[in-house]
Amino acid sequence: MSNLQLEYTPEEILADHAVTEPLRVGGVVCHGGFDENGNYVSPRTRFRTGAIAAWQQSHRETFGADPMDVPLETWPGNYPNLEQARLLLREGVRDPIIASLTRIGTVEGFGAMIRYLAPADMQRHFVEDIRGTATEHLGRGLVEAHARDEAGWEEQAGHDRMWFAVRDIAFENPVTADQTQLILQRMGLSGRGGTQEDRTARFQAQRLFHDLDLGLEMLLSTMVRVLFIEIKAFHVFAWAEALLSDTGLVAGEGEAARLVSYIRADETPHVGYLRTSLTEMRDRTFIGESGRRYPGREVVGRLWDKGLEESLGILEEQNRTALAQEVALALAGHRRGSEVLDEFHALGDWRPADPTPASAADVPSGY
């Protein structure tokens, strides 16, 4: 076994690198910053990045298995695609792109919810020892770091406000807070999903493992879903960086695209720890509430397959439909609306089959 450091305190997992200059956007201090060479440094990665690499190496040496993964190419590219988005902007139709960026920032803010799912003691759910694993550290800093990255911490802005800053830089503060709320209402993201009791009841109705601890299954299901969102998001990053670096179409002289590149860097540890922990749990044995034992490959495998099917199916369809409705709405009053809409669809490989909006409870929390 390699001489790896596998145990970390929560304070270490949440620790920042020293930076010579913080990241400021529009007078707001964001997380992260710049080193002495002007390179961006992601927040909370002083130990976290090395810890994830060490846990992965330890698992390879113990179980002979690499972390679970799904190639980015499994998902279709961003909708609207780059040429569709450029067409809209050339025609002076900005609202769908503004709505898309607003949606992304809002979904990032939902990331803070994950902090409430990670229990302090994961060992009681497993037969085998989980010391020195990412799984042991889920409730000891890893999930909290993820939540802070997405929704900020104290006065520091996180990805939610950073995406809103991307929007405001590129389109010169295009919407007020009230207008933002109207966008979110149209897209089913205002007051999403009801109360925590409502969400728990919906989850219980579709559980796969009724003998597992409810909170544990909710955690696992959320980890799988969030992992797929995070991987798929790299399509979004590529789209946004390319679109927002076009100074002929958007404002900001490329600053919005640079900010997206910083967010992209921040997301890498999220993918890393989620893949690592899910793999660790897959290769161990779960203990049910009755004392019955369940192979990790059965538990994680079934949740993984269900999550992937939903991500590629209904969630992708709902995301695209919500954005297609924004395009249709924006073009309804355009002088060449019908022509532009036809050209828009011709540039893509998908068009909505049903114009009826999804209910707020069913709208996915994904990009």
Foldseek 3Di string as FASTA:
>chain_A
DDPADLDDFLCLQQQFDDAPAFDDFPNATAPWHAHPVRDTGGGSVPPLVSNLVRQQVVCCVVPVDGFDDDALVVADFDPVFQVLQVLCLVLVLCQLVLLVLLLLLLLLLVLLVLLVLQDQDPPVFFPDDCGSHLNNCCNRNPSNSSNCQRQNDDRHGHSSVLSVSLSCQFAVHPDDPVVSLVSCVLLLNVCFQPDPVSVLVVCVVDDDDPQADSSVLVSLLVLLLVLVLLSNCVSVLVSSLVNSCPCVRTHNNSPSNVSSVNSNVNSVSSNSSSSRNLVVQQCTWTATNVRDIDHSVVSNVVSNVVSVCCVRPVQVLLVNLSSLLSLLVSLVPRPCSVVSNVVSVVVDDDDHPDNDHDHSHPHDSHD
